[in-house]
Amino acid sequence: MAAAFFFQISPILTVRRPYPAVWLSEEQLDRHAHKLASTPTYLIRQIVVLLKLVGGLFWGQSNEVRTFLTLPSYPADPGSRRTEKRVVPLLPAHREPVPLLVQIGRREEERGRDGERDHKHAVDVESV
């Protein structure tokens, strides 16, 4: 809950807007989240990780979201834990790239986010 509260009150630090993140435009919200996630301050990056973890749990299991991204639905939850001695893992079926996810990836590349972290704050292991 504290992580969500921090995310809501911190736009004044990232996009210089003195109001909660819920009132930001889509572009401002994207810049706000990206700046928080790429800050050199470890504690702030971990707050973003907590938000992404919880959001991903709900987002990834949603049948509506999975249908929108043309991903198969998860099977029904059995409602109990498995107690067999050996649990056979469910092997995922072969899938082709999902056009919508490719489009999202290309949009991130256009914004200069190619998946490579900004390494200006990283420690050079060779020099240590």
C-alpha atoms as a PDB file:
ATOM      1  CA  MET A   1       0.000   0.000   0.000  1.00  0.00           C
ATOM      2  CA  ALA A   2       2.883   2.350   0.749  1.00  0.00           C
ATOM      3  CA  ALA A   3       4.340   1.654  -2.720  1.00  0.00           C
ATOM      4  CA  ALA A   4       1.059   2.628  -4.402  1.00  0.00           C
ATOM      5  CA  PHE A   5       0.838   5.769  -2.262  1.00  0.00           C
ATOM      6  CA  PHE A   6       4.409   6.755  -3.200  1.00  0.00           C
ATOM      7  CA  PHE A   7       3.664   6.192  -6.894  1.00  0.00           C
ATOM      8  CA  GLN A   8       0.607   8.459  -6.638  1.00  0.00           C
ATOM      9  CA  ILE A   9       2.355  11.363  -4.871  1.00  0.00           C
ATOM     10  CA  SER A  10       5.693  11.323  -6.714  1.00  0.00           C
ATOM     11  CA  PRO A  11       4.772  12.947 -10.085  1.00  0.00           C
ATOM     12  CA  ILE A  12       6.004  16.233  -8.646  1.00  0.00           C
ATOM     13  CA  LEU A  13       9.502  14.695  -8.593  1.00  0.00           C
ATOM     14  CA  THR A  14       9.417  13.049 -12.015  1.00  0.00           C
ATOM     15  CA  VAL A  15       7.189  15.013 -14.396  1.00  0.00           C
ATOM     16  CA  ARG A  16       6.899  18.204 -12.332  1.00  0.00           C
ATOM     17  CA  ARG A  17       3.129  17.983 -11.863  1.00  0.00           C
ATOM     18  CA  PRO A  18       1.746  18.835  -8.392  1.00  0.00           C
ATOM     19  CA  TYR A  19      -1.086  16.322  -8.450  1.00  0.00           C
ATOM     20  CA  PRO A  20      -1.556  12.536  -8.087  1.00  0.00           C
ATOM     21  CA  ALA A  21      -0.505  10.118 -10.793  1.00  0.00           C
ATOM     22  CA  VAL A  22      -4.119   9.135 -11.399  1.00  0.00           C
ATOM     23  CA  TRP A  23      -4.706  12.599 -12.939  1.00  0.00           C
ATOM     24  CA  LEU A  24      -1.768  12.407 -15.373  1.00  0.00           C
ATOM     25  CA  SER A  25      -2.247  12.015 -19.115  1.00  0.00           C
ATOM     26  CA  GLU A  26      -1.221   8.696 -20.656  1.00  0.00           C
ATOM     27  CA  GLU A  27       2.070  10.174 -21.904  1.00  0.00           C
ATOM     28  CA  GLN A  28       2.860  11.816 -18.559  1.00  0.00           C
ATOM     29  CA  LEU A  29       2.014   8.613 -16.695  1.00  0.00           C
ATOM     30  CA  ASP A  30       4.328   6.645 -18.969  1.00  0.00           C
ATOM     31  CA  ARG A  31       7.178   9.138 -18.380  1.00  0.00           C
ATOM     32  CA  HIS A  32       6.497   9.103 -14.636  1.00  0.00           C
ATOM     33  CA  ALA A  33       6.638   5.304 -14.400  1.00  0.00           C
ATOM     34  CA  HIS A  34       9.737   5.102 -16.600  1.00  0.00           C
ATOM     35  CA  LYS A  35      11.608   7.732 -14.581  1.00  0.00           C
ATOM     36  CA  LEU A  36      10.791   5.959 -11.318  1.00  0.00           C
ATOM     37  CA  ALA A  37      11.841   2.594 -12.730  1.00  0.00           C
ATOM     38  CA  SER A  38      15.134   3.912 -14.104  1.00  0.00           C
ATOM     39  CA  THR A  39      16.253   6.135 -11.226  1.00  0.00           C
ATOM     40  CA  PRO A  40      19.707   5.451  -9.765  1.00  0.00           C
ATOM     41  CA  THR A  41      18.154   5.259  -6.266  1.00  0.00           C
ATOM     42  CA  TYR A  42      17.792   1.586  -5.406  1.00  0.00           C
ATOM     43  CA  LEU A  43      14.958   2.004  -2.881  1.00  0.00           C
ATOM     44  CA  ILE A  44      12.751   3.814  -5.395  1.00  0.00           C
ATOM     45  CA  ARG A  45      13.413   1.169  -8.066  1.00  0.00           C
ATOM     46  CA  GLN A  46      12.386  -1.515  -5.560  1.00  0.00           C
ATOM     47  CA  ILE A  47       9.106   0.290  -4.897  1.00  0.00           C
ATOM     48  CA  VAL A  48       8.404   0.042  -8.628  1.00  0.00           C
ATOM     49  CA  VAL A  49       9.319  -3.660  -8.586  1.00  0.00           C
ATOM     50  CA  LEU A  50       6.752  -4.250  -5.825  1.00  0.00           C
ATOM     51  CA  LEU A  51       4.055  -2.505  -7.847  1.00  0.00           C
ATOM     52  CA  LYS A  52       4.961  -4.459 -10.984  1.00  0.00           C
ATOM     53  CA  LEU A  53       4.935  -7.733  -9.055  1.00  0.00           C
ATOM     54  CA  VAL A  54       1.447  -7.270  -7.657  1.00  0.00           C
ATOM     55  CA  GLY A  55       0.103  -5.759 -10.874  1.00  0.00           C
ATOM     56  CA  GLY A  56       1.577  -8.584 -12.938  1.00  0.00           C
ATOM     57  CA  LEU A  57      -0.071 -11.227 -10.763  1.00  0.00           C
ATOM     58  CA  PHE A  58      -3.515  -9.808 -11.417  1.00  0.00           C
ATOM     59  CA  TRP A  59      -2.879  -8.684 -14.992  1.00  0.00           C
ATOM     60  CA  GLY A  60      -1.317 -11.953 -16.131  1.00  0.00           C
ATOM     61  CA  GLN A  61      -4.081 -14.207 -14.846  1.00  0.00           C
ATOM     62  CA  SER A  62      -6.943 -12.129 -16.253  1.00  0.00           C
ATOM     63  CA  ASN A  63      -8.814 -13.936 -19.018  1.00  0.00           C
ATOM     64  CA  GLU A  64      -9.798 -10.599 -20.574  1.00  0.00           C
ATOM     65  CA  VAL A  65      -6.182  -9.478 -20.798  1.00  0.00           C
ATOM     66  CA  ARG A  66      -5.002 -12.851 -22.089  1.00  0.00           C
ATOM     67  CA  THR A  67      -7.762 -12.864 -24.726  1.00  0.00           C
ATOM     68  CA  PHE A  68      -6.903  -9.300 -25.765  1.00  0.00           C
ATOM     69  CA  LEU A  69      -3.262 -10.366 -26.262  1.00  0.00           C
ATOM     70  CA  THR A  70      -4.386 -13.588 -27.992  1.00  0.00           C
ATOM     71  CA  LEU A  71      -2.829 -15.732 -25.279  1.00  0.00           C
ATOM     72  CA  PRO A  72      -4.478 -18.963 -24.123  1.00  0.00           C
ATOM     73  CA  SER A  73      -6.401 -18.873 -20.836  1.00  0.00           C
ATOM     74  CA  TYR A  74      -4.988 -20.596 -17.800  1.00  0.00           C
ATOM     75  CA  PRO A  75      -6.773 -23.739 -16.639  1.00  0.00           C
ATOM     76  CA  ALA A  76      -9.132 -23.437 -13.684  1.00  0.00           C
ATOM     77  CA  ASP A  77      -7.489 -23.225 -10.276  1.00  0.00           C
ATOM     78  CA  PRO A  78      -8.045 -26.540  -8.453  1.00  0.00           C
ATOM     79  CA  GLY A  79      -8.459 -24.648  -5.181  1.00  0.00           C
ATOM     80  CA  SER A  80      -5.913 -26.744  -3.309  1.00  0.00           C
ATOM     81  CA  ARG A  81      -2.198 -27.441  -3.391  1.00  0.00           C
ATOM     82  CA  ARG A  82      -0.779 -30.471  -5.099  1.00  0.00           C
ATOM     83  CA  THR A  83       0.271 -33.301  -2.836  1.00  0.00           C
ATOM     84  CA  GLU A  84       1.580 -35.826  -5.343  1.00  0.00           C
ATOM     85  CA  LYS A  85       5.172 -37.009  -4.888  1.00  0.00           C
ATOM     86  CA  ARG A  86       6.042 -35.934  -8.417  1.00  0.00           C
ATOM     87  CA  VAL A  87       4.180 -33.130 -10.133  1.00  0.00           C
ATOM     88  CA  VAL A  88       4.378 -33.311 -13.917  1.00  0.00           C
ATOM     89  CA  PRO A  89       4.861 -29.799 -15.261  1.00  0.00           C
ATOM     90  CA  LEU A  90       2.417 -28.521 -17.844  1.00  0.00           C
ATOM     91  CA  LEU A  91       4.417 -27.861 -21.004  1.00  0.00           C
ATOM     92  CA  PRO A  92       3.309 -24.776 -22.888  1.00  0.00           C
ATOM     93  CA  ALA A  93       2.242 -25.192 -26.482  1.00  0.00           C
ATOM     94  CA  HIS A  94       4.419 -23.719 -29.222  1.00  0.00           C
ATOM     95  CA  ARG A  95       3.293 -20.191 -30.015  1.00  0.00           C
ATOM     96  CA  GLU A  96       4.164 -17.639 -32.649  1.00  0.00           C
ATOM     97  CA  PRO A  97       4.961 -14.045 -31.661  1.00  0.00           C
ATOM     98  CA  VAL A  98       1.823 -12.143 -30.717  1.00  0.00           C
ATOM     99  CA  PRO A  99       1.480  -9.112 -33.039  1.00  0.00           C
ATOM    100  CA  LEU A 100       0.159  -6.871 -30.258  1.00  0.00           C
ATOM    101  CA  LEU A 101       3.147  -7.662 -28.013  1.00  0.00           C
ATOM    102  CA  VAL A 102       5.541  -7.053 -30.924  1.00  0.00           C
ATOM    103  CA  GLN A 103       3.832  -3.694 -31.489  1.00  0.00           C
ATOM    104  CA  ILE A 104       4.260  -2.784 -27.796  1.00  0.00           C
ATOM    105  CA  GLY A 105       7.949  -3.726 -27.996  1.00  0.00           C
ATOM    106  CA  ARG A 106       8.467  -1.589 -31.086  1.00  0.00           C
ATOM    107  CA  ARG A 107       6.764   1.364 -29.397  1.00  0.00           C
ATOM    108  CA  GLU A 108       9.172   1.024 -26.468  1.00  0.00           C
ATOM    109  CA  GLU A 109      12.137   0.945 -28.865  1.00  0.00           C
ATOM    110  CA  GLU A 110      10.845   4.127 -30.543  1.00  0.00           C
ATOM    111  CA  ARG A 111      10.822   5.782 -27.125  1.00  0.00           C
ATOM    112  CA  GLY A 112      14.479   4.836 -26.697  1.00  0.00           C
ATOM    113  CA  ARG A 113      13.854   1.899 -24.375  1.00  0.00           C
ATOM    114  CA  ASP A 114      15.495  -1.014 -26.153  1.00  0.00           C
ATOM    115  CA  GLY A 115      15.753  -3.167 -23.035  1.00  0.00           C
ATOM    116  CA  GLU A 116      19.307  -2.102 -22.296  1.00  0.00           C
ATOM    117  CA  ARG A 117      19.619  -0.442 -18.896  1.00  0.00           C
ATOM    118  CA  ASP A 118      21.325   2.881 -18.513  1.00  0.00           C
ATOM    119  CA  HIS A 119      24.700   1.695 -17.230  1.00  0.00           C
ATOM    120  CA  LYS A 120      26.152   5.063 -16.254  1.00  0.00           C
ATOM    121  CA  HIS A 121      25.601   4.167 -12.566  1.00  0.00           C
ATOM    122  CA  ALA A 122      26.912   0.609 -12.806  1.00  0.00           C
ATOM    123  CA  VAL A 123      30.199  -0.397 -11.211  1.00  0.00           C
ATOM    124  CA  ASP A 124      32.929  -1.441 -13.618  1.00  0.00           C
ATOM    125  CA  VAL A 125      33.844  -4.949 -12.443  1.00  0.00           C
ATOM    126  CA  GLU A 126      37.140  -4.910 -14.349  1.00  0.00           C
ATOM    127  CA  SER A 127      38.438  -1.923 -12.371  1.00  0.00           C
ATOM    128  CA  VAL A 128      37.564  -3.295  -8.926  1.00  0.00           C
END
